Every structure is written in C-alpha cells, then in structure tokens.
N, C-alpha and C. Protein backbone atom coordinates (compact mmCIF):
# COMPACT_ATOMS: atom_id res chain seq x y z
N MET A 1 0.85 -1.21 0.20
CA MET A 1 0.22 -0.21 -0.09
C MET A 1 0.80 1.16 0.12
N ALA A 2 2.22 1.12 -0.21
CA ALA A 2 3.25 2.27 -0.39
C ALA A 2 3.38 2.85 0.98
N CYS A 3 3.26 2.51 2.01
CA CYS A 3 3.58 3.30 3.34
C CYS A 3 4.24 2.28 4.19
N PRO A 4 5.20 1.74 3.99
CA PRO A 4 6.00 0.74 4.77
C PRO A 4 6.45 1.25 6.36
N ASP A 5 6.56 2.68 6.47
CA ASP A 5 6.79 3.08 7.61
C ASP A 5 5.66 3.87 8.61
N ALA A 6 4.47 3.53 8.03
CA ALA A 6 3.26 4.11 8.54
C ALA A 6 2.94 3.59 9.85
N GLU A 7 2.26 4.42 10.81
CA GLU A 7 2.05 3.83 12.23
C GLU A 7 0.38 3.98 12.21
N LEU A 8 -0.26 3.12 13.12
CA LEU A 8 -1.51 3.04 13.49
C LEU A 8 -1.91 2.65 14.79
N SER A 9 -2.83 2.96 15.52
CA SER A 9 -3.14 2.43 16.68
C SER A 9 -4.57 1.62 16.55
N ILE A 10 -4.31 0.59 17.40
CA ILE A 10 -5.60 -0.36 17.18
C ILE A 10 -6.27 -0.54 18.59
N ILE A 11 -7.55 -0.44 18.58
CA ILE A 11 -8.13 -0.61 20.16
C ILE A 11 -9.41 -1.56 20.05
N ILE A 12 -9.47 -2.68 20.53
CA ILE A 12 -10.39 -3.66 20.55
C ILE A 12 -11.26 -3.31 21.89
N VAL A 13 -12.78 -3.00 21.34
CA VAL A 13 -13.36 -2.53 22.30
C VAL A 13 -14.84 -3.30 22.41
N SER A 14 -15.79 -3.04 23.44
CA SER A 14 -16.87 -3.53 23.86
C SER A 14 -18.08 -2.78 22.73
N ASP A 15 -19.20 -3.32 22.65
CA ASP A 15 -20.12 -2.65 21.85
C ASP A 15 -20.57 -1.35 22.68
N ASP A 16 -20.50 -1.36 23.87
CA ASP A 16 -20.83 0.06 24.64
C ASP A 16 -19.73 1.15 24.39
N GLU A 17 -18.49 0.61 24.41
CA GLU A 17 -17.42 1.56 23.75
C GLU A 17 -17.57 2.22 22.61
N ILE A 18 -17.73 1.29 21.54
CA ILE A 18 -17.85 1.75 20.17
C ILE A 18 -19.07 2.67 19.91
N HIS A 19 -19.96 2.37 20.53
CA HIS A 19 -21.60 2.87 20.57
C HIS A 19 -21.12 4.55 20.86
N ALA A 20 -20.16 4.49 22.10
CA ALA A 20 -20.11 5.97 22.62
C ALA A 20 -19.13 6.67 21.51
N LEU A 21 -18.32 5.98 21.13
CA LEU A 21 -17.25 6.54 19.76
C LEU A 21 -18.24 7.03 18.58
N ASN A 22 -18.88 6.30 18.33
CA ASN A 22 -19.94 6.26 17.11
C ASN A 22 -20.82 7.56 17.24
N LYS A 23 -21.29 7.51 18.52
CA LYS A 23 -22.24 8.56 18.84
C LYS A 23 -21.43 10.12 19.06
N ALA A 24 -20.42 10.00 19.71
CA ALA A 24 -19.76 11.13 19.72
C ALA A 24 -18.63 11.75 18.44
N TYR A 25 -18.49 11.07 17.68
CA TYR A 25 -17.60 11.45 16.62
C TYR A 25 -18.52 11.50 15.10
N LEU A 26 -19.32 10.44 15.21
CA LEU A 26 -19.98 10.37 13.85
C LEU A 26 -21.53 10.59 14.08
N GLN A 27 -21.96 10.81 15.06
CA GLN A 27 -23.48 11.31 15.44
C GLN A 27 -24.33 10.18 14.99
N HIS A 28 -23.87 8.76 15.14
CA HIS A 28 -24.67 7.63 14.94
C HIS A 28 -25.01 6.82 16.37
N ASP A 29 -26.08 6.95 16.92
CA ASP A 29 -26.68 6.61 18.21
C ASP A 29 -26.86 4.88 18.06
N ARG A 30 -25.66 4.19 17.78
CA ARG A 30 -25.89 2.65 17.61
C ARG A 30 -24.36 2.09 17.74
N PRO A 31 -24.25 0.85 18.20
CA PRO A 31 -22.73 0.22 18.07
C PRO A 31 -22.57 0.07 16.56
N THR A 32 -21.29 -0.16 16.42
CA THR A 32 -20.92 -0.65 14.90
C THR A 32 -19.77 -1.56 15.00
N ASN A 33 -19.34 -1.87 13.88
CA ASN A 33 -18.16 -2.95 14.02
C ASN A 33 -16.80 -2.34 13.95
N VAL A 34 -16.77 -1.35 13.01
CA VAL A 34 -15.49 -0.84 13.27
C VAL A 34 -15.49 0.63 12.92
N ILE A 35 -14.81 1.48 13.49
CA ILE A 35 -14.55 2.85 12.99
C ILE A 35 -13.00 3.49 13.10
N SER A 36 -12.69 4.04 11.81
CA SER A 36 -11.52 4.62 11.49
C SER A 36 -11.37 6.06 11.74
N PHE A 37 -10.40 6.45 12.46
CA PHE A 37 -9.84 7.80 12.50
C PHE A 37 -8.67 8.30 11.80
N PRO A 38 -9.00 8.93 10.80
CA PRO A 38 -7.78 9.04 10.00
C PRO A 38 -6.87 10.33 10.39
N MET A 39 -5.65 10.22 10.43
CA MET A 39 -4.88 11.52 10.89
C MET A 39 -4.56 12.07 9.64
N GLN A 40 -4.78 11.57 8.28
CA GLN A 40 -4.12 12.40 7.28
C GLN A 40 -5.57 13.07 6.58
N GLU A 41 -6.31 13.58 7.34
CA GLU A 41 -7.55 14.23 6.58
C GLU A 41 -7.62 15.30 7.48
N GLY A 42 -8.51 16.54 6.94
CA GLY A 42 -8.79 17.62 8.04
C GLY A 42 -7.63 18.43 8.36
N ASP A 43 -7.54 19.07 9.40
CA ASP A 43 -6.71 20.26 9.99
C ASP A 43 -5.29 19.59 10.04
N GLY A 44 -5.16 18.24 10.53
CA GLY A 44 -3.95 17.80 10.75
C GLY A 44 -3.20 17.16 9.72
N VAL A 45 -3.28 17.25 8.74
CA VAL A 45 -2.89 16.59 7.40
C VAL A 45 -1.39 17.06 7.32
N GLY A 46 -0.45 16.17 7.26
CA GLY A 46 0.74 16.44 7.00
C GLY A 46 1.62 16.59 8.39
N VAL A 47 1.01 16.92 9.32
CA VAL A 47 2.00 16.97 10.72
C VAL A 47 2.76 15.83 11.13
N GLN A 48 2.12 14.65 11.01
CA GLN A 48 2.84 13.50 11.12
C GLN A 48 2.49 12.64 10.07
N PRO A 49 3.39 12.72 9.17
CA PRO A 49 2.86 12.02 7.71
C PRO A 49 2.96 10.40 7.81
N THR A 50 3.60 9.86 8.87
CA THR A 50 3.48 8.58 8.95
C THR A 50 2.48 8.02 9.68
N LEU A 51 1.87 8.78 10.33
CA LEU A 51 0.83 8.35 11.51
C LEU A 51 -0.62 8.27 10.80
N LEU A 52 -0.91 6.92 10.18
CA LEU A 52 -2.11 6.95 9.47
C LEU A 52 -3.58 7.31 10.32
N GLY A 53 -3.58 6.95 11.38
CA GLY A 53 -4.79 6.93 12.64
C GLY A 53 -4.85 6.04 13.45
N ASP A 54 -6.29 5.77 13.70
CA ASP A 54 -6.77 4.87 14.78
C ASP A 54 -7.94 4.07 14.10
N VAL A 55 -7.86 2.80 14.51
CA VAL A 55 -8.89 1.86 14.16
C VAL A 55 -9.56 1.23 15.45
N ALA A 56 -10.81 1.52 15.65
CA ALA A 56 -11.34 0.77 16.82
C ALA A 56 -12.56 -0.33 16.30
N ILE A 57 -12.48 -1.46 16.87
CA ILE A 57 -13.03 -2.54 16.51
C ILE A 57 -13.89 -3.04 17.66
N SER A 58 -15.19 -3.30 17.45
CA SER A 58 -16.04 -3.91 18.78
C SER A 58 -15.85 -5.60 18.49
N VAL A 59 -15.17 -5.91 19.59
CA VAL A 59 -14.97 -7.49 19.55
C VAL A 59 -16.56 -8.03 19.87
N ASP A 60 -17.40 -7.39 20.47
CA ASP A 60 -18.76 -8.12 20.49
C ASP A 60 -19.64 -8.13 18.96
N THR A 61 -19.47 -7.00 18.46
CA THR A 61 -20.17 -7.08 17.12
C THR A 61 -19.51 -8.07 16.07
N ALA A 62 -18.03 -7.95 16.28
CA ALA A 62 -17.19 -8.87 15.14
C ALA A 62 -17.58 -10.23 15.73
N THR A 63 -17.79 -10.55 17.05
CA THR A 63 -18.01 -12.02 17.24
C THR A 63 -19.48 -12.38 17.05
N ARG A 64 -20.27 -11.61 17.25
CA ARG A 64 -21.71 -11.71 16.84
C ARG A 64 -22.07 -11.87 15.33
N ASP A 65 -21.18 -11.23 14.60
CA ASP A 65 -21.28 -11.16 12.95
C ASP A 65 -20.72 -12.62 12.45
N ALA A 66 -19.44 -12.87 13.12
CA ALA A 66 -18.71 -13.96 12.70
C ALA A 66 -19.68 -15.36 13.11
N LEU A 67 -20.36 -15.38 14.26
CA LEU A 67 -20.89 -16.53 14.43
C LEU A 67 -22.28 -16.82 13.65
N GLU A 68 -23.06 -15.49 13.30
CA GLU A 68 -24.12 -15.61 12.54
C GLU A 68 -23.67 -16.01 10.83
N ALA A 69 -22.48 -15.60 10.50
CA ALA A 69 -21.91 -15.97 9.42
C ALA A 69 -21.44 -17.32 9.23
N GLY A 70 -21.15 -17.97 10.34
CA GLY A 70 -20.45 -19.22 10.40
C GLY A 70 -19.04 -19.25 10.03
N ILE A 71 -18.42 -18.15 10.33
CA ILE A 71 -16.92 -18.06 10.40
C ILE A 71 -16.22 -17.90 11.68
N ASP A 72 -14.94 -17.92 11.63
CA ASP A 72 -14.01 -17.88 12.87
C ASP A 72 -14.08 -16.34 13.31
N PRO A 73 -14.57 -16.12 14.58
CA PRO A 73 -14.29 -14.53 15.02
C PRO A 73 -12.99 -14.07 14.80
N LEU A 74 -11.65 -14.90 14.72
CA LEU A 74 -10.28 -14.17 14.68
C LEU A 74 -10.42 -13.69 13.16
N ARG A 75 -10.90 -14.47 12.09
CA ARG A 75 -10.93 -14.21 10.60
C ARG A 75 -11.82 -12.90 10.59
N GLU A 76 -12.99 -12.71 11.20
CA GLU A 76 -13.67 -11.34 11.36
C GLU A 76 -12.71 -10.22 11.78
N LEU A 77 -12.32 -10.49 12.85
CA LEU A 77 -11.30 -9.23 13.49
C LEU A 77 -10.39 -8.81 12.52
N ILE A 78 -9.77 -9.88 11.81
CA ILE A 78 -8.67 -9.53 10.78
C ILE A 78 -9.35 -8.87 9.69
N PHE A 79 -10.37 -9.17 9.28
CA PHE A 79 -11.03 -8.51 8.10
C PHE A 79 -11.47 -7.29 8.56
N LEU A 80 -12.14 -6.73 9.60
CA LEU A 80 -12.46 -5.48 10.11
C LEU A 80 -11.16 -4.53 10.16
N LEU A 81 -10.15 -5.25 10.60
CA LEU A 81 -8.79 -4.27 10.77
C LEU A 81 -8.36 -3.85 9.50
N LEU A 82 -8.51 -4.71 8.47
CA LEU A 82 -7.83 -4.40 7.25
C LEU A 82 -9.08 -3.54 6.42
N HIS A 83 -10.28 -3.55 6.92
CA HIS A 83 -11.38 -2.56 6.31
C HIS A 83 -10.99 -1.15 7.18
N GLY A 84 -10.71 -1.21 8.15
CA GLY A 84 -10.56 0.01 9.09
C GLY A 84 -9.18 0.63 8.38
N ILE A 85 -8.05 -0.02 8.30
CA ILE A 85 -6.83 0.38 7.51
C ILE A 85 -7.09 1.24 6.20
N LEU A 86 -7.79 0.39 5.37
CA LEU A 86 -8.05 0.67 3.80
C LEU A 86 -8.80 2.19 4.05
N HIS A 87 -9.67 2.39 5.29
CA HIS A 87 -10.28 3.68 5.31
C HIS A 87 -9.42 4.61 5.79
N LEU A 88 -8.54 4.45 6.61
CA LEU A 88 -7.09 5.37 6.74
C LEU A 88 -6.38 5.66 5.66
N LEU A 89 -6.41 4.81 4.85
CA LEU A 89 -5.79 5.27 3.47
C LEU A 89 -6.50 5.86 2.48
N GLY A 90 -7.74 6.35 2.75
CA GLY A 90 -8.60 7.03 2.08
C GLY A 90 -9.66 6.23 1.10
N TYR A 91 -9.67 4.92 1.30
CA TYR A 91 -10.69 4.22 0.69
C TYR A 91 -11.88 4.66 1.18
N ASP A 92 -13.23 4.73 0.56
CA ASP A 92 -14.46 4.88 1.09
C ASP A 92 -15.35 4.11 0.39
N HIS A 93 -16.46 3.76 1.00
CA HIS A 93 -17.59 2.95 0.52
C HIS A 93 -18.86 3.70 0.91
N GLU A 94 -18.77 4.66 1.70
CA GLU A 94 -20.17 5.11 2.21
C GLU A 94 -20.40 6.61 1.67
N ARG A 95 -19.40 7.62 1.45
CA ARG A 95 -19.67 9.00 1.15
C ARG A 95 -19.46 8.95 -0.67
N GLY A 96 -18.81 7.96 -1.21
CA GLY A 96 -18.77 8.12 -2.50
C GLY A 96 -19.78 7.49 -3.26
N ASP A 97 -19.35 7.44 -4.66
CA ASP A 97 -20.18 6.71 -5.43
C ASP A 97 -20.06 5.21 -5.24
N GLU A 98 -21.04 4.60 -6.23
CA GLU A 98 -21.10 2.89 -6.18
C GLU A 98 -19.61 2.52 -6.65
N GLY A 99 -18.83 3.38 -7.61
CA GLY A 99 -17.54 2.83 -8.00
C GLY A 99 -16.54 2.80 -7.02
N GLU A 100 -16.74 3.62 -6.02
CA GLU A 100 -15.63 3.89 -5.11
C GLU A 100 -16.00 2.51 -4.29
N ALA A 101 -17.00 2.53 -4.04
CA ALA A 101 -17.24 1.10 -2.87
C ALA A 101 -16.72 -0.10 -3.67
N ARG A 102 -17.27 -0.27 -4.97
CA ARG A 102 -16.56 -1.46 -5.70
C ARG A 102 -15.17 -1.59 -5.56
N ILE A 103 -14.20 -0.37 -5.80
CA ILE A 103 -12.88 -0.35 -5.76
C ILE A 103 -12.25 -0.70 -4.45
N MET A 104 -13.20 -0.18 -3.23
CA MET A 104 -12.61 -0.55 -2.12
C MET A 104 -12.87 -2.07 -1.62
N GLU A 105 -13.95 -2.59 -1.91
CA GLU A 105 -14.36 -4.18 -1.83
C GLU A 105 -13.20 -4.85 -2.46
N ALA A 106 -13.06 -4.28 -3.85
CA ALA A 106 -11.89 -5.27 -4.65
C ALA A 106 -10.74 -5.37 -3.90
N LYS A 107 -10.29 -4.26 -3.22
CA LYS A 107 -9.03 -4.18 -2.66
C LYS A 107 -8.98 -4.97 -1.44
N GLU A 108 -10.04 -4.97 -0.58
CA GLU A 108 -10.11 -5.95 0.53
C GLU A 108 -10.15 -7.20 0.45
N GLN A 109 -10.78 -7.46 -0.86
CA GLN A 109 -10.65 -9.07 -1.32
C GLN A 109 -9.34 -9.49 -1.58
N GLU A 110 -8.56 -8.52 -2.28
CA GLU A 110 -7.29 -9.05 -2.75
C GLU A 110 -6.27 -9.17 -1.60
N ILE A 111 -6.30 -7.98 -0.39
CA ILE A 111 -5.42 -8.24 0.39
C ILE A 111 -5.95 -9.22 1.40
N PHE A 112 -7.13 -9.45 1.56
CA PHE A 112 -7.67 -10.39 2.56
C PHE A 112 -7.26 -11.92 2.02
N ARG A 113 -7.36 -12.19 0.84
CA ARG A 113 -6.82 -13.46 0.10
C ARG A 113 -5.27 -13.63 0.42
N LEU A 114 -4.52 -12.66 0.52
CA LEU A 114 -3.22 -12.82 0.68
C LEU A 114 -2.93 -13.10 2.13
N ILE A 115 -3.75 -12.48 3.16
CA ILE A 115 -3.62 -12.76 4.58
C ILE A 115 -4.08 -14.21 4.95
N GLU A 116 -5.00 -14.65 4.13
CA GLU A 116 -5.63 -16.14 4.48
C GLU A 116 -4.43 -16.96 3.98
N THR A 117 -3.79 -16.42 2.77
CA THR A 117 -2.93 -17.54 2.34
C THR A 117 -1.61 -17.67 3.09
N GLU A 118 -1.16 -16.42 3.64
CA GLU A 118 -0.20 -16.40 4.74
C GLU A 118 -0.41 -17.08 5.99
N MET A 119 -1.68 -16.98 6.32
CA MET A 119 -2.52 -17.42 7.87
C MET A 119 -2.29 -19.20 7.45
N LEU A 120 -2.62 -19.68 6.51
CA LEU A 120 -2.51 -20.85 5.83
C LEU A 120 -1.34 -21.55 5.93
N THR A 121 -0.26 -20.86 5.33
CA THR A 121 1.08 -21.22 5.09
C THR A 121 1.70 -21.31 6.57
N ALA A 122 1.46 -20.24 7.26
CA ALA A 122 1.87 -20.31 8.95
C ALA A 122 1.36 -21.59 9.41
N THR A 123 -0.08 -21.76 9.23
CA THR A 123 -0.64 -23.03 10.10
C THR A 123 0.21 -24.22 9.55
N ASP A 124 0.48 -24.40 8.42
CA ASP A 124 1.19 -25.59 7.80
C ASP A 124 2.58 -25.68 8.33
N HIS A 125 3.08 -24.90 8.64
CA HIS A 125 4.58 -25.15 9.05
C HIS A 125 4.50 -24.92 10.78
N ALA A 126 3.35 -24.94 11.44
CA ALA A 126 3.34 -24.75 12.70
C ALA A 126 3.45 -26.58 13.26
C-alpha cells in the first residue's frame, strides 16, 4: 500500500465503548463493527505523515457477526482491521459513489486473500 513506515493504533472495544465513539464522533446512536479515525484528513494533514490514525473494532459485534456468518471470529477481526486500515488510506464505501465502493471491496478481497494465504502457510508450518 506504499506506506512501509506508517503507524496506526488499534483498539479492541466492547459494543458499549464503540457505541459511545460512534455517537460522539459520527453522530450515529448505535454500536458498529469498526470505526476509523484518519490522521491524514482535515486540519492535521501532514503534521505526522507516517501516522495513519486509529482503528477501533468492537469485539462484541465482530464475534456476533462471525457466528451468524459461520466463520471464525479471528478471521472477522482481521477483516475488520483491514477494512479500517483501508479507510485510513483514503478508501471509502459510504460517502462516494458506487464505483468507489467497488474499488474498496476489490482491494479488501485482494489483500484478505493474501492474508489468508499467509495464515494457511503459517499453520501448515506450525
């Protein structure tokens, strides 16, 4: 993604905590699965060029969604982290047009396949 020296913080929170973040910063009065807080947008652009921002993930929502989908909760957490990082890098599926959403989804799938391949390889060598 062309940012080898980039930094970000990751926080794993409960539904109550992500609900509070969602309400305070995005004015959505509900819990969600992941929220990204980019540092390379708005007034602070360029102050810390290697600092991408923060990603908050609700472990409660991620676990619930994974169980409903019949997938491993760790896999869901990894996917949500990837989703959040892509938001920090400027990808968007909410504010833009349908084309932007497709571009973000394609990038998610491309990178997630690489991550899954690495996870399988690591498991095979364990």
